[in-house]
């Protein structure tokens, strides 16, 4: 089989080194995002038989991950080498992202951030260079942080199963480790 390139993103001033690409979930339109070492998030959408894009500066020292909320495709979360997690609201007509809030009390480079699927809460997990993984959820206007794993090696990637009951981690040596099920319970409302 051969494949035909239908779109190639190039910038006029310089080429951006992209770290990843992720698609919006539960969305009828083709919307996806990428983040790069230059600290920008680039939103893409295929609309009216053409690709459109919009770029926004998000993280100093590079964007490491973005995830769309599977329960609200207009909400996304990002993380980077600046030790910040940022929550964004996406306007699908313009592809512009509005910064909604930040979580700043994390003392590590954050390698990955992923929303928990099928959660009734705004809930996501993150992991980082120091081997720690956290679960965050919102109560009122406050983000609650719970440490859910601590390894002696950097955690590179996290992945939830589709119903949000199992969270796997990948360490920098390639080992796979499940996060203990009892650690995934939100303490104040006992959601699984």
C-alpha atoms as a PDB file:
ATOM      1  CA  UNK A   1       0.000   0.000   0.000  1.00  0.00           C
ATOM      2  CA  UNK A   2       1.067   3.545  -0.643  1.00  0.00           C
ATOM      3  CA  UNK A   3      -0.150   6.563   1.237  1.00  0.00           C
ATOM      4  CA  UNK A   4      -0.672  10.055  -0.064  1.00  0.00           C
ATOM      5  CA  UNK A   5       0.202  13.087   2.032  1.00  0.00           C
ATOM      6  CA  UNK A   6      -2.913  15.262   2.317  1.00  0.00           C
ATOM      7  CA  UNK A   7      -1.412  17.981   4.528  1.00  0.00           C
ATOM      8  CA  UNK A   8       2.033  19.175   5.546  1.00  0.00           C
ATOM      9  CA  UNK A   9       2.499  21.826   8.206  1.00  0.00           C
ATOM     10  CA  UNK A  10       5.352  24.245   7.637  1.00  0.00           C
ATOM     11  CA  UNK A  11       6.058  27.580   9.260  1.00  0.00           C
ATOM     12  CA  UNK A  12       7.519  30.498   7.379  1.00  0.00           C
ATOM     13  CA  UNK A  13      10.060  31.638   9.979  1.00  0.00           C
ATOM     14  CA  UNK A  14      11.431  28.332  11.223  1.00  0.00           C
ATOM     15  CA  UNK A  15      10.578  24.711  11.456  1.00  0.00           C
ATOM     16  CA  UNK A  16       9.036  23.567  14.714  1.00  0.00           C
ATOM     17  CA  UNK A  17      10.124  20.259  16.193  1.00  0.00           C
ATOM     18  CA  UNK A  18       6.918  18.554  17.279  1.00  0.00           C
ATOM     19  CA  UNK A  19       6.988  16.295  20.340  1.00  0.00           C
ATOM     20  CA  UNK A  20       3.625  14.528  19.789  1.00  0.00           C
ATOM     21  CA  UNK A  21       0.175  14.714  18.252  1.00  0.00           C
ATOM     22  CA  UNK A  22      -3.180  13.967  19.895  1.00  0.00           C
ATOM     23  CA  UNK A  23      -6.750  13.893  18.621  1.00  0.00           C
ATOM     24  CA  UNK A  24      -9.902  15.249  20.215  1.00  0.00           C
ATOM     25  CA  UNK A  25     -12.078  12.413  21.493  1.00  0.00           C
ATOM     26  CA  UNK A  26     -15.842  11.998  21.078  1.00  0.00           C
ATOM     27  CA  UNK A  27     -15.866  14.733  18.495  1.00  0.00           C
ATOM     28  CA  UNK A  28     -17.611  14.717  15.138  1.00  0.00           C
ATOM     29  CA  UNK A  29     -15.002  17.030  13.601  1.00  0.00           C
ATOM     30  CA  UNK A  30     -11.379  16.213  12.891  1.00  0.00           C
ATOM     31  CA  UNK A  31      -9.565  18.314  15.524  1.00  0.00           C
ATOM     32  CA  UNK A  32      -6.069  17.568  16.752  1.00  0.00           C
ATOM     33  CA  UNK A  33      -3.214  19.270  18.567  1.00  0.00           C
ATOM     34  CA  UNK A  34       0.541  19.134  18.595  1.00  0.00           C
ATOM     35  CA  UNK A  35       3.149  20.590  20.906  1.00  0.00           C
ATOM     36  CA  UNK A  36       6.738  21.436  20.284  1.00  0.00           C
ATOM     37  CA  UNK A  37      10.073  22.169  21.843  1.00  0.00           C
ATOM     38  CA  UNK A  38       9.469  25.875  21.156  1.00  0.00           C
ATOM     39  CA  UNK A  39       6.696  25.947  23.810  1.00  0.00           C
ATOM     40  CA  UNK A  40       3.805  26.313  21.375  1.00  0.00           C
ATOM     41  CA  UNK A  41       0.606  24.335  21.054  1.00  0.00           C
ATOM     42  CA  UNK A  42      -0.671  24.157  17.489  1.00  0.00           C
ATOM     43  CA  UNK A  43      -4.343  23.321  17.010  1.00  0.00           C
ATOM     44  CA  UNK A  44      -5.443  21.795  13.691  1.00  0.00           C
ATOM     45  CA  UNK A  45      -8.869  21.220  12.206  1.00  0.00           C
ATOM     46  CA  UNK A  46     -10.058  19.784   8.936  1.00  0.00           C
ATOM     47  CA  UNK A  47     -12.993  21.934   7.919  1.00  0.00           C
ATOM     48  CA  UNK A  48     -14.634  22.721   4.562  1.00  0.00           C
ATOM     49  CA  UNK A  49     -12.184  20.441   2.731  1.00  0.00           C
ATOM     50  CA  UNK A  50      -9.074  22.178   4.059  1.00  0.00           C
ATOM     51  CA  UNK A  51      -6.831  22.199   7.112  1.00  0.00           C
ATOM     52  CA  UNK A  52      -6.694  25.266   9.313  1.00  0.00           C
ATOM     53  CA  UNK A  53      -4.313  25.813  12.217  1.00  0.00           C
ATOM     54  CA  UNK A  54      -3.809  28.147  15.149  1.00  0.00           C
ATOM     55  CA  UNK A  55      -0.714  28.495  17.325  1.00  0.00           C
ATOM     56  CA  UNK A  56      -0.532  29.657  20.937  1.00  0.00           C
ATOM     57  CA  UNK A  57       2.463  29.905  23.259  1.00  0.00           C
ATOM     58  CA  UNK A  58       1.840  27.588  26.222  1.00  0.00           C
ATOM     59  CA  UNK A  59       4.986  26.465  28.093  1.00  0.00           C
ATOM     60  CA  UNK A  60       8.505  27.765  28.498  1.00  0.00           C
ATOM     61  CA  UNK A  61      11.157  25.189  27.560  1.00  0.00           C
ATOM     62  CA  UNK A  62       8.746  23.034  25.547  1.00  0.00           C
ATOM     63  CA  UNK A  63       5.359  21.294  25.570  1.00  0.00           C
ATOM     64  CA  UNK A  64       5.569  17.625  26.562  1.00  0.00           C
ATOM     65  CA  UNK A  65       1.929  16.507  26.308  1.00  0.00           C
ATOM     66  CA  UNK A  66      -1.640  17.603  25.607  1.00  0.00           C
ATOM     67  CA  UNK A  67      -4.838  15.686  26.193  1.00  0.00           C
ATOM     68  CA  UNK A  68      -8.443  16.457  25.284  1.00  0.00           C
ATOM     69  CA  UNK A  69     -11.093  15.856  27.926  1.00  0.00           C
ATOM     70  CA  UNK A  70     -13.074  12.848  26.624  1.00  0.00           C
ATOM     71  CA  UNK A  71     -16.193  14.148  28.412  1.00  0.00           C
ATOM     72  CA  UNK A  72     -15.828  17.699  27.071  1.00  0.00           C
ATOM     73  CA  UNK A  73     -13.926  17.916  23.740  1.00  0.00           C
ATOM     74  CA  UNK A  74     -13.607  21.712  24.112  1.00  0.00           C
ATOM     75  CA  UNK A  75     -11.390  21.318  27.192  1.00  0.00           C
ATOM     76  CA  UNK A  76      -7.762  20.282  27.067  1.00  0.00           C
ATOM     77  CA  UNK A  77      -4.831  20.040  29.434  1.00  0.00           C
ATOM     78  CA  UNK A  78      -1.129  20.555  28.694  1.00  0.00           C
ATOM     79  CA  UNK A  79       2.175  20.125  30.505  1.00  0.00           C
ATOM     80  CA  UNK A  80       5.778  21.000  29.916  1.00  0.00           C
ATOM     81  CA  UNK A  81       9.325  21.405  31.097  1.00  0.00           C
ATOM     82  CA  UNK A  82       8.305  24.507  33.086  1.00  0.00           C
ATOM     83  CA  UNK A  83       6.726  22.326  35.845  1.00  0.00           C
ATOM     84  CA  UNK A  84       3.244  23.626  34.963  1.00  0.00           C
ATOM     85  CA  UNK A  85      -0.046  22.020  34.047  1.00  0.00           C
ATOM     86  CA  UNK A  86      -2.420  24.302  32.147  1.00  0.00           C
ATOM     87  CA  UNK A  87      -6.106  23.801  31.468  1.00  0.00           C
ATOM     88  CA  UNK A  88      -7.489  25.348  28.275  1.00  0.00           C
ATOM     89  CA  UNK A  89     -10.885  25.918  26.663  1.00  0.00           C
ATOM     90  CA  UNK A  90     -10.959  25.543  22.882  1.00  0.00           C
ATOM     91  CA  UNK A  91     -13.179  27.655  20.635  1.00  0.00           C
ATOM     92  CA  UNK A  92     -13.824  25.235  17.764  1.00  0.00           C
ATOM     93  CA  UNK A  93     -14.809  28.003  15.344  1.00  0.00           C
ATOM     94  CA  UNK A  94     -11.514  29.887  15.627  1.00  0.00           C
ATOM     95  CA  UNK A  95      -9.263  27.132  17.104  1.00  0.00           C
ATOM     96  CA  UNK A  96      -8.133  29.653  19.706  1.00  0.00           C
ATOM     97  CA  UNK A  97      -7.397  28.282  23.171  1.00  0.00           C
ATOM     98  CA  UNK A  98      -8.260  30.364  26.210  1.00  0.00           C
ATOM     99  CA  UNK A  99      -6.166  29.714  29.303  1.00  0.00           C
ATOM    100  CA  UNK A 100      -8.623  28.620  32.017  1.00  0.00           C
ATOM    101  CA  UNK A 101      -6.336  27.765  34.954  1.00  0.00           C
ATOM    102  CA  UNK A 102      -2.866  26.525  35.941  1.00  0.00           C
ATOM    103  CA  UNK A 103      -1.515  24.101  38.490  1.00  0.00           C
ATOM    104  CA  UNK A 104       1.836  25.321  39.731  1.00  0.00           C
ATOM    105  CA  UNK A 105       2.627  23.332  42.884  1.00  0.00           C
ATOM    106  CA  UNK A 106       4.508  20.539  41.097  1.00  0.00           C
ATOM    107  CA  UNK A 107       8.259  20.441  41.601  1.00  0.00           C
ATOM    108  CA  UNK A 108       9.240  18.326  38.596  1.00  0.00           C
ATOM    109  CA  UNK A 109       9.403  18.377  34.828  1.00  0.00           C
ATOM    110  CA  UNK A 110       6.025  16.987  33.788  1.00  0.00           C
ATOM    111  CA  UNK A 111       6.353  14.394  31.030  1.00  0.00           C
ATOM    112  CA  UNK A 112       2.726  13.451  30.459  1.00  0.00           C
ATOM    113  CA  UNK A 113      -0.807  14.435  31.406  1.00  0.00           C
ATOM    114  CA  UNK A 114      -3.966  12.439  30.586  1.00  0.00           C
ATOM    115  CA  UNK A 115      -7.645  12.887  31.407  1.00  0.00           C
ATOM    116  CA  UNK A 116      -9.410  10.018  33.152  1.00  0.00           C
ATOM    117  CA  UNK A 117     -12.094   8.652  30.823  1.00  0.00           C
ATOM    118  CA  UNK A 118     -15.711   8.275  31.942  1.00  0.00           C
ATOM    119  CA  UNK A 119     -15.159  10.441  34.984  1.00  0.00           C
ATOM    120  CA  UNK A 120     -17.972  12.628  36.276  1.00  0.00           C
ATOM    121  CA  UNK A 121     -15.294  15.005  37.514  1.00  0.00           C
ATOM    122  CA  UNK A 122     -12.645  17.075  35.794  1.00  0.00           C
ATOM    123  CA  UNK A 123      -9.978  14.501  36.585  1.00  0.00           C
ATOM    124  CA  UNK A 124      -6.550  13.788  35.095  1.00  0.00           C
ATOM    125  CA  UNK A 125      -3.222  12.231  35.983  1.00  0.00           C
ATOM    126  CA  UNK A 126       0.316  13.431  35.362  1.00  0.00           C
ATOM    127  CA  UNK A 127       3.821  12.023  35.737  1.00  0.00           C
ATOM    128  CA  UNK A 128       7.333  13.342  35.709  1.00  0.00           C
ATOM    129  CA  UNK A 129      11.081  13.103  35.817  1.00  0.00           C
ATOM    130  CA  UNK A 130      11.255  12.475  39.559  1.00  0.00           C
ATOM    131  CA  UNK A 131       9.277   9.201  39.278  1.00  0.00           C
ATOM    132  CA  UNK A 132       6.077  10.555  40.815  1.00  0.00           C
ATOM    133  CA  UNK A 133       2.563  10.316  39.372  1.00  0.00           C
ATOM    134  CA  UNK A 134      -0.374  12.411  40.616  1.00  0.00           C
ATOM    135  CA  UNK A 135      -4.125  12.381  40.219  1.00  0.00           C
ATOM    136  CA  UNK A 136      -5.895  15.772  40.092  1.00  0.00           C
ATOM    137  CA  UNK A 137      -9.591  16.522  40.364  1.00  0.00           C
ATOM    138  CA  UNK A 138     -11.572  19.661  40.892  1.00  0.00           C
ATOM    139  CA  UNK A 139     -13.689  20.473  43.926  1.00  0.00           C
ATOM    140  CA  UNK A 140     -15.434  23.787  43.454  1.00  0.00           C
ATOM    141  CA  UNK A 141     -12.723  26.087  42.098  1.00  0.00           C
ATOM    142  CA  UNK A 142      -9.830  24.221  43.749  1.00  0.00           C
ATOM    143  CA  UNK A 143      -7.666  21.473  42.241  1.00  0.00           C
ATOM    144  CA  UNK A 144      -7.035  18.553  44.622  1.00  0.00           C
ATOM    145  CA  UNK A 145      -3.720  16.686  44.171  1.00  0.00           C
ATOM    146  CA  UNK A 146      -3.123  13.087  45.247  1.00  0.00           C
ATOM    147  CA  UNK A 147       0.176  11.212  44.837  1.00  0.00           C
ATOM    148  CA  UNK A 148      -0.664   7.854  43.247  1.00  0.00           C
ATOM    149  CA  UNK A 149       2.787   6.370  42.504  1.00  0.00           C
ATOM    150  CA  UNK A 150       6.433   6.947  43.258  1.00  0.00           C
ATOM    151  CA  UNK A 151       9.148   5.044  41.411  1.00  0.00           C
ATOM    152  CA  UNK A 152      12.920   5.353  41.604  1.00  0.00           C
ATOM    153  CA  UNK A 153      12.987   6.080  37.836  1.00  0.00           C
ATOM    154  CA  UNK A 154      11.458   8.773  35.667  1.00  0.00           C
ATOM    155  CA  UNK A 155       7.907   8.110  34.425  1.00  0.00           C
ATOM    156  CA  UNK A 156       7.688   8.903  30.713  1.00  0.00           C
ATOM    157  CA  UNK A 157       4.096   8.076  29.811  1.00  0.00           C
ATOM    158  CA  UNK A 158       0.709   7.291  31.367  1.00  0.00           C
ATOM    159  CA  UNK A 159      -2.278   5.608  29.741  1.00  0.00           C
ATOM    160  CA  UNK A 160      -5.799   4.925  31.058  1.00  0.00           C
ATOM    161  CA  UNK A 161      -7.907   2.041  29.810  1.00  0.00           C
ATOM    162  CA  UNK A 162     -11.091   3.178  28.053  1.00  0.00           C
ATOM    163  CA  UNK A 163     -13.345   2.997  31.116  1.00  0.00           C
ATOM    164  CA  UNK A 164     -10.917   4.723  33.510  1.00  0.00           C
ATOM    165  CA  UNK A 165     -10.325   1.823  35.903  1.00  0.00           C
ATOM    166  CA  UNK A 166      -6.686   0.978  35.070  1.00  0.00           C
ATOM    167  CA  UNK A 167      -3.767   3.396  34.741  1.00  0.00           C
ATOM    168  CA  UNK A 168      -0.472   2.122  33.309  1.00  0.00           C
ATOM    169  CA  UNK A 169       2.876   3.875  33.525  1.00  0.00           C
ATOM    170  CA  UNK A 170       5.987   3.541  31.370  1.00  0.00           C
ATOM    171  CA  UNK A 171       9.295   4.209  33.100  1.00  0.00           C
ATOM    172  CA  UNK A 172      12.344   5.629  31.324  1.00  0.00           C
ATOM    173  CA  UNK A 173      13.937   2.162  31.182  1.00  0.00           C
ATOM    174  CA  UNK A 174      10.908   0.812  29.254  1.00  0.00           C
ATOM    175  CA  UNK A 175       9.320  -1.059  32.172  1.00  0.00           C
ATOM    176  CA  UNK A 176       5.513  -1.044  32.359  1.00  0.00           C
ATOM    177  CA  UNK A 177       3.871  -0.679  35.770  1.00  0.00           C
ATOM    178  CA  UNK A 178       0.174  -0.519  36.655  1.00  0.00           C
ATOM    179  CA  UNK A 179      -0.791   2.105  39.236  1.00  0.00           C
ATOM    180  CA  UNK A 180      -2.409   0.436  42.243  1.00  0.00           C
ATOM    181  CA  UNK A 181      -6.225   0.467  41.931  1.00  0.00           C
ATOM    182  CA  UNK A 182      -6.789   1.825  45.466  1.00  0.00           C
ATOM    183  CA  UNK A 183      -4.665   4.876  44.589  1.00  0.00           C
ATOM    184  CA  UNK A 184      -7.057   5.811  41.764  1.00  0.00           C
ATOM    185  CA  UNK A 185     -10.000   6.518  44.071  1.00  0.00           C
ATOM    186  CA  UNK A 186     -10.868  10.177  44.531  1.00  0.00           C
ATOM    187  CA  UNK A 187     -10.800  10.542  48.295  1.00  0.00           C
ATOM    188  CA  UNK A 188     -13.721  12.909  48.825  1.00  0.00           C
ATOM    189  CA  UNK A 189     -16.346  11.281  46.624  1.00  0.00           C
ATOM    190  CA  UNK A 190     -15.099   7.661  46.367  1.00  0.00           C
ATOM    191  CA  UNK A 191     -15.334   7.578  42.566  1.00  0.00           C
ATOM    192  CA  UNK A 192     -13.498   4.638  40.956  1.00  0.00           C
END
